Amino acid sequence: LDADVSLDVVKQFTAHVRERALSDEVNKALNPAQQVVQIVNDELVAI
């Protein structure tokens, strides 16, 4: 939001990141932090 990204895009983006970050792909990962970075990267590529 500070970077002027559209509110609708921000809502959609963060919803997808939260859903995937709470899933098994992060819980079972050896390094959860890197997995979250990968999720954010994937969602950035999508938008």
All heavy atoms as atom14 arrays in JSON, in Angstrom:
{
  "sequence": "LDADVSLDVVKQFTAHVRERALSDEVNKALNPAQQVVQIVNDELVAI",
  "atom14_mask": [
    [1, 1, 1, 1, 1, 1, 1, 1, 0, 0, 0, 0, 0, 0],
    [1, 1, 1, 1, 1, 1, 1, 1, 0, 0, 0, 0, 0, 0],
    [1, 1, 1, 1, 1, 0, 0, 0, 0, 0, 0, 0, 0, 0],
    [1, 1, 1, 1, 1, 1, 1, 1, 0, 0, 0, 0, 0, 0],
    [1, 1, 1, 1, 1, 1, 1, 0, 0, 0, 0, 0, 0, 0],
    [1, 1, 1, 1, 1, 1, 0, 0, 0, 0, 0, 0, 0, 0],
    [1, 1, 1, 1, 1, 1, 1, 1, 0, 0, 0, 0, 0, 0],
    [1, 1, 1, 1, 1, 1, 1, 1, 0, 0, 0, 0, 0, 0],
    [1, 1, 1, 1, 1, 1, 1, 0, 0, 0, 0, 0, 0, 0],
    [1, 1, 1, 1, 1, 1, 1, 0, 0, 0, 0, 0, 0, 0],
    [1, 1, 1, 1, 1, 1, 1, 1, 1, 0, 0, 0, 0, 0],
    [1, 1, 1, 1, 1, 1, 1, 1, 1, 0, 0, 0, 0, 0],
    [1, 1, 1, 1, 1, 1, 1, 1, 1, 1, 1, 0, 0, 0],
    [1, 1, 1, 1, 1, 1, 1, 0, 0, 0, 0, 0, 0, 0],
    [1, 1, 1, 1, 1, 0, 0, 0, 0, 0, 0, 0, 0, 0],
    [1, 1, 1, 1, 1, 1, 1, 1, 1, 1, 0, 0, 0, 0],
    [1, 1, 1, 1, 1, 1, 1, 0, 0, 0, 0, 0, 0, 0],
    [1, 1, 1, 1, 1, 1, 1, 1, 1, 1, 1, 0, 0, 0],
    [1, 1, 1, 1, 1, 1, 1, 1, 1, 0, 0, 0, 0, 0],
    [1, 1, 1, 1, 1, 1, 1, 1, 1, 1, 1, 0, 0, 0],
    [1, 1, 1, 1, 1, 0, 0, 0, 0, 0, 0, 0, 0, 0],
    [1, 1, 1, 1, 1, 1, 1, 1, 0, 0, 0, 0, 0, 0],
    [1, 1, 1, 1, 1, 1, 0, 0, 0, 0, 0, 0, 0, 0],
    [1, 1, 1, 1, 1, 1, 1, 1, 0, 0, 0, 0, 0, 0],
    [1, 1, 1, 1, 1, 1, 1, 1, 1, 0, 0, 0, 0, 0],
    [1, 1, 1, 1, 1, 1, 1, 0, 0, 0, 0, 0, 0, 0],
    [1, 1, 1, 1, 1, 1, 1, 1, 0, 0, 0, 0, 0, 0],
    [1, 1, 1, 1, 1, 1, 1, 1, 1, 0, 0, 0, 0, 0],
    [1, 1, 1, 1, 1, 0, 0, 0, 0, 0, 0, 0, 0, 0],
    [1, 1, 1, 1, 1, 1, 1, 1, 0, 0, 0, 0, 0, 0],
    [1, 1, 1, 1, 1, 1, 1, 1, 0, 0, 0, 0, 0, 0],
    [1, 1, 1, 1, 1, 1, 1, 0, 0, 0, 0, 0, 0, 0],
    [1, 1, 1, 1, 1, 0, 0, 0, 0, 0, 0, 0, 0, 0],
    [1, 1, 1, 1, 1, 1, 1, 1, 1, 0, 0, 0, 0, 0],
    [1, 1, 1, 1, 1, 1, 1, 1, 1, 0, 0, 0, 0, 0],
    [1, 1, 1, 1, 1, 1, 1, 0, 0, 0, 0, 0, 0, 0],
    [1, 1, 1, 1, 1, 1, 1, 0, 0, 0, 0, 0, 0, 0],
    [1, 1, 1, 1, 1, 1, 1, 1, 1, 0, 0, 0, 0, 0],
    [1, 1, 1, 1, 1, 1, 1, 1, 0, 0, 0, 0, 0, 0],
    [1, 1, 1, 1, 1, 1, 1, 0, 0, 0, 0, 0, 0, 0],
    [1, 1, 1, 1, 1, 1, 1, 1, 0, 0, 0, 0, 0, 0],
    [1, 1, 1, 1, 1, 1, 1, 1, 0, 0, 0, 0, 0, 0],
    [1, 1, 1, 1, 1, 1, 1, 1, 1, 0, 0, 0, 0, 0],
    [1, 1, 1, 1, 1, 1, 1, 1, 0, 0, 0, 0, 0, 0],
    [1, 1, 1, 1, 1, 1, 1, 0, 0, 0, 0, 0, 0, 0],
    [1, 1, 1, 1, 1, 0, 0, 0, 0, 0, 0, 0, 0, 0],
    [1, 1, 1, 1, 1, 1, 1, 1, 0, 0, 0, 0, 0, 0]
  ],
  "atom14_positions": [
    [[0.84, -1.21, 0.0], [0.0, 0.0, 0.0], [0.87, 1.25, 0.0], [0.56, 2.24, -0.68], [-0.93, -0.01, 1.21], [-2.07, -1.04, 1.17], [-2.85, -1.04, 2.48], [-3.02, -0.76, 0.0], [0.0, 0.0, 0.0], [0.0, 0.0, 0.0], [0.0, 0.0, 0.0], [0.0, 0.0, 0.0], [0.0, 0.0, 0.0], [0.0, 0.0, 0.0]],
    [[1.97, 1.23, 0.77], [2.89, 2.38, 0.77], [3.51, 2.59, -0.6], [3.89, 3.71, -0.94], [4.01, 2.16, 1.81], [3.52, 2.41, 3.23], [2.42, 2.95, 3.38], [4.24, 2.04, 4.18], [0.0, 0.0, 0.0], [0.0, 0.0, 0.0], [0.0, 0.0, 0.0], [0.0, 0.0, 0.0], [0.0, 0.0, 0.0], [0.0, 0.0, 0.0]],
    [[3.65, 1.51, -1.36], [4.25, 1.6, -2.7], [3.22, 1.95, -3.76], [3.53, 1.91, -4.95], [4.93, 0.28, -3.04], [0.0, 0.0, 0.0], [0.0, 0.0, 0.0], [0.0, 0.0, 0.0], [0.0, 0.0, 0.0], [0.0, 0.0, 0.0], [0.0, 0.0, 0.0], [0.0, 0.0, 0.0], [0.0, 0.0, 0.0], [0.0, 0.0, 0.0]],
    [[1.98, 2.26, -3.36], [0.92, 2.69, -4.29], [0.34, 1.56, -5.12], [-0.23, 1.81, -6.19], [1.42, 3.79, -5.23], [1.07, 5.18, -4.71], [0.26, 5.26, -3.78], [1.62, 6.16, -5.21], [0.0, 0.0, 0.0], [0.0, 0.0, 0.0], [0.0, 0.0, 0.0], [0.0, 0.0, 0.0], [0.0, 0.0, 0.0], [0.0, 0.0, 0.0]],
    [[0.47, 0.33, -4.67], [-0.19, -0.77, -5.37], [-1.69, -0.65, -5.13], [-2.14, -0.29, -4.04], [0.35, -2.13, -4.87], [-0.34, -3.29, -5.59], [1.85, -2.22, -5.09], [0.0, 0.0, 0.0], [0.0, 0.0, 0.0], [0.0, 0.0, 0.0], [0.0, 0.0, 0.0], [0.0, 0.0, 0.0], [0.0, 0.0, 0.0], [0.0, 0.0, 0.0]],
    [[-2.48, -0.96, -6.14], [-3.94, -0.85, -6.05], [-4.49, -1.68, -4.89], [-4.04, -2.81, -4.65], [-4.56, -1.32, -7.36], [-5.95, -1.45, -7.25], [0.0, 0.0, 0.0], [0.0, 0.0, 0.0], [0.0, 0.0, 0.0], [0.0, 0.0, 0.0], [0.0, 0.0, 0.0], [0.0, 0.0, 0.0], [0.0, 0.0, 0.0], [0.0, 0.0, 0.0]],
    [[-5.48, -1.14, -4.17], [-6.04, -1.81, -3.0], [-6.62, -3.18, -3.36], [-6.41, -4.16, -2.63], [-7.13, -0.93, -2.37], [-7.82, -1.51, -1.12], [-6.81, -1.77, 0.0], [-8.92, -0.57, -0.63], [0.0, 0.0, 0.0], [0.0, 0.0, 0.0], [0.0, 0.0, 0.0], [0.0, 0.0, 0.0], [0.0, 0.0, 0.0], [0.0, 0.0, 0.0]],
    [[-7.33, -3.27, -4.48], [-7.92, -4.54, -4.88], [-6.84, -5.59, -5.14], [-6.97, -6.76, -4.77], [-8.77, -4.37, -6.15], [-10.01, -3.53, -5.89], [-10.43, -3.47, -4.71], [-10.53, -2.92, -6.85], [0.0, 0.0, 0.0], [0.0, 0.0, 0.0], [0.0, 0.0, 0.0], [0.0, 0.0, 0.0], [0.0, 0.0, 0.0], [0.0, 0.0, 0.0]],
    [[-5.74, -5.16, -5.76], [-4.63, -6.08, -6.03], [-3.97, -6.51, -4.73], [-3.61, -7.69, -4.57], [-3.6, -5.4, -6.97], [-2.38, -6.3, -7.18], [-4.24, -5.07, -8.31], [0.0, 0.0, 0.0], [0.0, 0.0, 0.0], [0.0, 0.0, 0.0], [0.0, 0.0, 0.0], [0.0, 0.0, 0.0], [0.0, 0.0, 0.0], [0.0, 0.0, 0.0]],
    [[-3.82, -5.58, -3.79], [-3.2, -5.9, -2.5], [-4.04, -6.93, -1.75], [-3.51, -7.9, -1.19], [-3.03, -4.63, -1.64], [-2.56, -4.99, -0.23], [-2.03, -3.69, -2.29], [0.0, 0.0, 0.0], [0.0, 0.0, 0.0], [0.0, 0.0, 0.0], [0.0, 0.0, 0.0], [0.0, 0.0, 0.0], [0.0, 0.0, 0.0], [0.0, 0.0, 0.0]],
    [[-5.35, -6.74, -1.74], [-6.24, -7.69, -1.04], [-6.12, -9.09, -1.63], [-5.98, -10.09, -0.9], [-7.7, -7.2, -1.13], [-8.03, -6.02, -0.25], [-9.49, -5.63, -0.43], [-9.87, -4.47, 0.48], [-11.28, -4.06, 0.28], [0.0, 0.0, 0.0], [0.0, 0.0, 0.0], [0.0, 0.0, 0.0], [0.0, 0.0, 0.0], [0.0, 0.0, 0.0]],
    [[-6.15, -9.16, -2.94], [-6.05, -10.45, -3.62], [-4.68, -11.1, -3.37], [-4.57, -12.29, -3.08], [-6.28, -10.26, -5.11], [-6.25, -11.54, -5.93], [-6.44, -11.26, -7.42], [-6.6, -10.13, -7.82], [-6.41, -12.31, -8.22], [0.0, 0.0, 0.0], [0.0, 0.0, 0.0], [0.0, 0.0, 0.0], [0.0, 0.0, 0.0], [0.0, 0.0, 0.0]],
    [[-3.65, -10.29, -3.44], [-2.27, -10.78, -3.26], [-2.07, -11.35, -1.86], [-1.59, -12.47, -1.69], [-1.3, -9.62, -3.53], [0.14, -9.98, -3.38], [0.85, -10.5, -4.45], [0.81, -9.79, -2.18], [2.19, -10.83, -4.33], [2.14, -10.12, -2.05], [2.84, -10.63, -3.12], [0.0, 0.0, 0.0], [0.0, 0.0, 0.0], [0.0, 0.0, 0.0]],
    [[-2.42, -10.56, -0.84], [-2.18, -11.0, 0.54], [-3.06, -12.19, 0.91], [-2.64, -13.04, 1.7], [-2.42, -9.83, 1.52], [-3.71, -9.25, 1.27], [-1.35, -8.77, 1.37], [0.0, 0.0, 0.0], [0.0, 0.0, 0.0], [0.0, 0.0, 0.0], [0.0, 0.0, 0.0], [0.0, 0.0, 0.0], [0.0, 0.0, 0.0], [0.0, 0.0, 0.0]],
    [[-4.26, -12.27, 0.35], [-5.13, -13.42, 0.63], [-4.49, -14.71, 0.11], [-4.48, -15.74, 0.81], [-6.51, -13.21, -0.01], [0.0, 0.0, 0.0], [0.0, 0.0, 0.0], [0.0, 0.0, 0.0], [0.0, 0.0, 0.0], [0.0, 0.0, 0.0], [0.0, 0.0, 0.0], [0.0, 0.0, 0.0], [0.0, 0.0, 0.0], [0.0, 0.0, 0.0]],
    [[-3.93, -14.65, -1.09], [-3.27, -15.83, -1.67], [-2.02, -16.21, -0.87], [-1.77, -17.39, -0.62], [-2.89, -15.56, -3.13], [-4.07, -15.53, -4.04], [-3.97, -15.11, -5.36], [-5.37, -15.84, -3.86], [-5.16, -15.18, -5.93], [-6.03, -15.61, -5.03], [0.0, 0.0, 0.0], [0.0, 0.0, 0.0], [0.0, 0.0, 0.0], [0.0, 0.0, 0.0]],
    [[-1.24, -15.18, -0.47], [-0.02, -15.46, 0.3], [-0.36, -16.1, 1.64], [0.27, -17.09, 2.05], [0.79, -14.16, 0.52], [1.92, -14.38, 1.52], [1.35, -13.64, -0.79], [0.0, 0.0, 0.0], [0.0, 0.0, 0.0], [0.0, 0.0, 0.0], [0.0, 0.0, 0.0], [0.0, 0.0, 0.0], [0.0, 0.0, 0.0], [0.0, 0.0, 0.0]],
    [[-1.37, -15.57, 2.33], [-1.74, -16.11, 3.64], [-2.24, -17.55, 3.52], [-1.86, -18.43, 4.31], [-2.82, -15.24, 4.28], [-3.17, -15.65, 5.71], [-4.24, -14.74, 6.31], [-4.42, -15.07, 7.72], [-5.15, -16.09, 8.16], [-5.76, -16.89, 7.28], [-5.27, -16.34, 9.45], [0.0, 0.0, 0.0], [0.0, 0.0, 0.0], [0.0, 0.0, 0.0]],
    [[-3.08, -17.8, 2.51], [-3.63, -19.13, 2.33], [-2.51, -20.16, 2.09], [-2.51, -21.24, 2.69], [-4.6, -19.12, 1.14], [-5.26, -20.47, 0.87], [-6.17, -20.43, -0.34], [-6.4, -19.32, -0.88], [-6.63, -21.5, -0.75], [0.0, 0.0, 0.0], [0.0, 0.0, 0.0], [0.0, 0.0, 0.0], [0.0, 0.0, 0.0], [0.0, 0.0, 0.0]],
    [[-1.56, -19.8, 1.24], [-0.47, -20.74, 0.93], [0.52, -20.85, 2.08], [1.11, -21.91, 2.32], [0.25, -20.29, -0.34], [-0.59, -20.45, -1.61], [0.2, -20.07, -2.84], [1.4, -20.9, -3.0], [2.31, -20.71, -3.95], [2.16, -19.71, -4.82], [3.37, -21.49, -4.04], [0.0, 0.0, 0.0], [0.0, 0.0, 0.0], [0.0, 0.0, 0.0]],
    [[0.74, -19.73, 2.82], [1.71, -19.76, 3.92], [1.23, -20.61, 5.09], [2.04, -21.12, 5.87], [1.97, -18.33, 4.41], [0.0, 0.0, 0.0], [0.0, 0.0, 0.0], [0.0, 0.0, 0.0], [0.0, 0.0, 0.0], [0.0, 0.0, 0.0], [0.0, 0.0, 0.0], [0.0, 0.0, 0.0], [0.0, 0.0, 0.0], [0.0, 0.0, 0.0]],
    [[-0.1, -20.77, 5.22], [-0.64, -21.6, 6.3], [-0.85, -23.05, 5.86], [-1.31, -23.87, 6.66], [-1.98, -21.02, 6.79], [-1.89, -19.69, 7.54], [-3.28, -19.14, 7.81], [-1.12, -19.86, 8.85], [0.0, 0.0, 0.0], [0.0, 0.0, 0.0], [0.0, 0.0, 0.0], [0.0, 0.0, 0.0], [0.0, 0.0, 0.0], [0.0, 0.0, 0.0]],
    [[-0.51, -23.37, 4.63], [-0.75, -24.71, 4.11], [0.4, -25.65, 4.48], [1.4, -25.25, 5.08], [-0.9, -24.67, 2.59], [0.33, -24.29, 2.0], [0.0, 0.0, 0.0], [0.0, 0.0, 0.0], [0.0, 0.0, 0.0], [0.0, 0.0, 0.0], [0.0, 0.0, 0.0], [0.0, 0.0, 0.0], [0.0, 0.0, 0.0], [0.0, 0.0, 0.0]],
    [[0.27, -26.91, 4.09], [1.26, -27.92, 4.43], [2.59, -27.69, 3.73], [3.63, -28.16, 4.21], [0.74, -29.33, 4.07], [-0.35, -29.79, 5.03], [-0.42, -29.21, 6.12], [-1.11, -30.71, 4.67], [0.0, 0.0, 0.0], [0.0, 0.0, 0.0], [0.0, 0.0, 0.0], [0.0, 0.0, 0.0], [0.0, 0.0, 0.0], [0.0, 0.0, 0.0]],
    [[2.58, -26.99, 2.6], [3.84, -26.79, 1.87], [4.83, -25.98, 2.69], [6.04, -26.1, 2.51], [3.59, -26.13, 0.52], [3.09, -24.7, 0.6], [2.96, -24.05, -0.79], [3.93, -24.1, -1.56], [1.88, -23.52, -1.08], [0.0, 0.0, 0.0], [0.0, 0.0, 0.0], [0.0, 0.0, 0.0], [0.0, 0.0, 0.0], [0.0, 0.0, 0.0]],
    [[4.34, -25.14, 3.62], [5.22, -24.38, 4.49], [5.46, -25.14, 5.8], [6.59, -25.2, 6.3], [4.62, -22.99, 4.8], [5.45, -22.26, 5.85], [4.56, -22.16, 3.52], [0.0, 0.0, 0.0], [0.0, 0.0, 0.0], [0.0, 0.0, 0.0], [0.0, 0.0, 0.0], [0.0, 0.0, 0.0], [0.0, 0.0, 0.0], [0.0, 0.0, 0.0]],
    [[4.42, -25.73, 6.35], [4.56, -26.45, 7.63], [5.56, -27.6, 7.55], [6.27, -27.91, 8.51], [3.2, -27.0, 8.07], [2.24, -25.87, 8.45], [2.68, -24.79, 8.85], [0.94, -26.11, 8.31], [0.0, 0.0, 0.0], [0.0, 0.0, 0.0], [0.0, 0.0, 0.0], [0.0, 0.0, 0.0], [0.0, 0.0, 0.0], [0.0, 0.0, 0.0]],
    [[5.63, -28.27, 6.39], [6.51, -29.42, 6.23], [7.87, -29.04, 5.63], [8.71, -29.91, 5.42], [5.84, -30.46, 5.33], [4.59, -31.09, 5.97], [3.95, -32.09, 5.02], [2.7, -32.72, 5.65], [2.04, -33.67, 4.73], [0.0, 0.0, 0.0], [0.0, 0.0, 0.0], [0.0, 0.0, 0.0], [0.0, 0.0, 0.0], [0.0, 0.0, 0.0]],
    [[8.07, -27.76, 5.35], [9.32, -27.33, 4.73], [10.46, -27.32, 5.75], [10.25, -27.06, 6.94], [9.15, -25.93, 4.14], [0.0, 0.0, 0.0], [0.0, 0.0, 0.0], [0.0, 0.0, 0.0], [0.0, 0.0, 0.0], [0.0, 0.0, 0.0], [0.0, 0.0, 0.0], [0.0, 0.0, 0.0], [0.0, 0.0, 0.0], [0.0, 0.0, 0.0]],
    [[11.67, -27.62, 5.28], [12.84, -27.59, 6.15], [13.16, -26.16, 6.57], [13.64, -25.92, 7.67], [14.05, -28.2, 5.44], [13.96, -29.7, 5.14], [15.16, -30.14, 4.32], [13.88, -30.49, 6.45], [0.0, 0.0, 0.0], [0.0, 0.0, 0.0], [0.0, 0.0, 0.0], [0.0, 0.0, 0.0], [0.0, 0.0, 0.0], [0.0, 0.0, 0.0]],
    [[12.9, -25.2, 5.68], [13.14, -23.79, 5.99], [11.87, -23.01, 5.66], [11.68, -22.56, 4.52], [14.33, -23.27, 5.17], [14.8, -21.92, 5.67], [14.0, -21.08, 6.06], [16.11, -21.71, 5.65], [0.0, 0.0, 0.0], [0.0, 0.0, 0.0], [0.0, 0.0, 0.0], [0.0, 0.0, 0.0], [0.0, 0.0, 0.0], [0.0, 0.0, 0.0]],
    [[10.99, -22.82, 6.63], [9.7, -22.14, 6.37], [9.87, -20.72, 5.82], [9.09, -20.28, 4.99], [9.03, -22.11, 7.75], [9.69, -23.2, 8.53], [11.09, -23.26, 8.03], [0.0, 0.0, 0.0], [0.0, 0.0, 0.0], [0.0, 0.0, 0.0], [0.0, 0.0, 0.0], [0.0, 0.0, 0.0], [0.0, 0.0, 0.0], [0.0, 0.0, 0.0]],
    [[10.89, -19.99, 6.31], [11.07, -18.6, 5.86], [11.34, -18.55, 4.36], [10.76, -17.73, 3.63], [12.23, -17.96, 6.63], [0.0, 0.0, 0.0], [0.0, 0.0, 0.0], [0.0, 0.0, 0.0], [0.0, 0.0, 0.0], [0.0, 0.0, 0.0], [0.0, 0.0, 0.0], [0.0, 0.0, 0.0], [0.0, 0.0, 0.0], [0.0, 0.0, 0.0]],
    [[12.22, -19.44, 3.88], [12.5, -19.47, 2.44], [11.27, -19.86, 1.64], [11.06, -19.39, 0.53], [13.65, -20.45, 2.16], [15.01, -19.94, 2.61], [16.13, -20.88, 2.24], [15.9, -21.92, 1.61], [17.34, -20.55, 2.64], [0.0, 0.0, 0.0], [0.0, 0.0, 0.0], [0.0, 0.0, 0.0], [0.0, 0.0, 0.0], [0.0, 0.0, 0.0]],
    [[10.46, -20.73, 2.22], [9.24, -21.16, 1.53], [8.26, -19.99, 1.38], [7.61, -19.83, 0.34], [8.58, -22.3, 2.31], [7.55, -23.08, 1.52], [8.18, -23.9, 0.41], [9.32, -24.31, 0.52], [7.44, -24.11, -0.67], [0.0, 0.0, 0.0], [0.0, 0.0, 0.0], [0.0, 0.0, 0.0], [0.0, 0.0, 0.0], [0.0, 0.0, 0.0]],
    [[8.18, -19.15, 2.41], [7.3, -17.97, 2.35], [7.81, -16.99, 1.29], [7.03, -16.41, 0.53], [7.2, -17.28, 3.73], [6.47, -15.95, 3.62], [6.48, -18.18, 4.72], [0.0, 0.0, 0.0], [0.0, 0.0, 0.0], [0.0, 0.0, 0.0], [0.0, 0.0, 0.0], [0.0, 0.0, 0.0], [0.0, 0.0, 0.0], [0.0, 0.0, 0.0]],
    [[9.14, -16.8, 1.23], [9.73, -15.92, 0.2], [9.37, -16.45, -1.18], [9.02, -15.68, -2.08], [11.26, -15.83, 0.37], [11.87, -15.06, -0.79], [11.61, -15.15, 1.68], [0.0, 0.0, 0.0], [0.0, 0.0, 0.0], [0.0, 0.0, 0.0], [0.0, 0.0, 0.0], [0.0, 0.0, 0.0], [0.0, 0.0, 0.0], [0.0, 0.0, 0.0]],
    [[9.43, -17.76, -1.36], [9.09, -18.37, -2.64], [7.62, -18.13, -2.99], [7.28, -17.85, -4.15], [9.39, -19.88, -2.6], [9.11, -20.61, -3.92], [9.97, -20.1, -5.06], [11.17, -19.95, -4.91], [9.35, -19.81, -6.19], [0.0, 0.0, 0.0], [0.0, 0.0, 0.0], [0.0, 0.0, 0.0], [0.0, 0.0, 0.0], [0.0, 0.0, 0.0]],
    [[6.75, -18.22, -1.98], [5.32, -17.99, -2.2], [5.09, -16.54, -2.64], [4.35, -16.27, -3.59], [4.52, -18.31, -0.92], [4.5, -19.82, -0.67], [3.1, -17.77, -1.01], [3.96, -20.21, 0.68], [0.0, 0.0, 0.0], [0.0, 0.0, 0.0], [0.0, 0.0, 0.0], [0.0, 0.0, 0.0], [0.0, 0.0, 0.0], [0.0, 0.0, 0.0]],
    [[5.72, -15.59, -1.93], [5.58, -14.17, -2.28], [6.11, -13.93, -3.69], [5.52, -13.18, -4.48], [6.31, -13.28, -1.25], [6.31, -11.82, -1.7], [5.66, -13.4, 0.12], [0.0, 0.0, 0.0], [0.0, 0.0, 0.0], [0.0, 0.0, 0.0], [0.0, 0.0, 0.0], [0.0, 0.0, 0.0], [0.0, 0.0, 0.0], [0.0, 0.0, 0.0]],
    [[7.22, -14.57, -4.03], [7.79, -14.44, -5.38], [6.8, -14.94, -6.43], [6.57, -14.28, -7.46], [9.1, -15.23, -5.45], [9.78, -15.11, -6.81], [10.31, -14.06, -7.16], [9.74, -16.18, -7.58], [0.0, 0.0, 0.0], [0.0, 0.0, 0.0], [0.0, 0.0, 0.0], [0.0, 0.0, 0.0], [0.0, 0.0, 0.0], [0.0, 0.0, 0.0]],
    [[6.19, -16.11, -6.18], [5.22, -16.68, -7.13], [4.03, -15.75, -7.32], [3.56, -15.54, -8.45], [4.73, -18.04, -6.63], [5.83, -19.1, -6.64], [6.86, -18.87, -7.3], [5.65, -20.13, -5.97], [0.0, 0.0, 0.0], [0.0, 0.0, 0.0], [0.0, 0.0, 0.0], [0.0, 0.0, 0.0], [0.0, 0.0, 0.0], [0.0, 0.0, 0.0]],
    [[3.54, -15.17, -6.23], [2.37, -14.29, -6.32], [2.72, -12.96, -7.01], [1.89, -12.39, -7.72], [1.79, -14.02, -4.92], [1.22, -15.26, -4.25], [0.11, -15.92, -5.06], [-0.67, -15.19, -5.71], [0.01, -17.16, -5.05], [0.0, 0.0, 0.0], [0.0, 0.0, 0.0], [0.0, 0.0, 0.0], [0.0, 0.0, 0.0], [0.0, 0.0, 0.0]],
    [[3.96, -12.48, -6.79], [4.39, -11.27, -7.49], [4.45, -11.52, -9.0], [4.04, -10.68, -9.8], [5.78, -10.84, -7.0], [5.84, -9.84, -5.84], [7.29, -9.56, -5.47], [5.14, -8.54, -6.18], [0.0, 0.0, 0.0], [0.0, 0.0, 0.0], [0.0, 0.0, 0.0], [0.0, 0.0, 0.0], [0.0, 0.0, 0.0], [0.0, 0.0, 0.0]],
    [[4.98, -12.68, -9.38], [5.03, -13.05, -10.8], [3.62, -13.07, -11.39], [3.38, -12.61, -12.51], [5.71, -14.42, -10.99], [5.59, -14.89, -12.43], [7.17, -14.36, -10.58], [0.0, 0.0, 0.0], [0.0, 0.0, 0.0], [0.0, 0.0, 0.0], [0.0, 0.0, 0.0], [0.0, 0.0, 0.0], [0.0, 0.0, 0.0], [0.0, 0.0, 0.0]],
    [[2.67, -13.58, -10.59], [1.27, -13.68, -11.07], [0.67, -12.3, -11.33], [0.04, -12.07, -12.37], [0.43, -14.44, -10.05], [0.0, 0.0, 0.0], [0.0, 0.0, 0.0], [0.0, 0.0, 0.0], [0.0, 0.0, 0.0], [0.0, 0.0, 0.0], [0.0, 0.0, 0.0], [0.0, 0.0, 0.0], [0.0, 0.0, 0.0], [0.0, 0.0, 0.0]],
    [[0.86, -11.34, -10.4], [0.23, -10.02, -10.6], [0.97, -9.22, -11.67], [0.43, -8.26, -12.22], [0.13, -9.19, -9.29], [1.5, -8.77, -8.79], [-0.65, -9.92, -8.24], [1.44, -7.76, -7.66], [0.0, 0.0, 0.0], [0.0, 0.0, 0.0], [0.0, 0.0, 0.0], [0.0, 0.0, 0.0], [0.0, 0.0, 0.0], [0.0, 0.0, 0.0]]
  ]
}
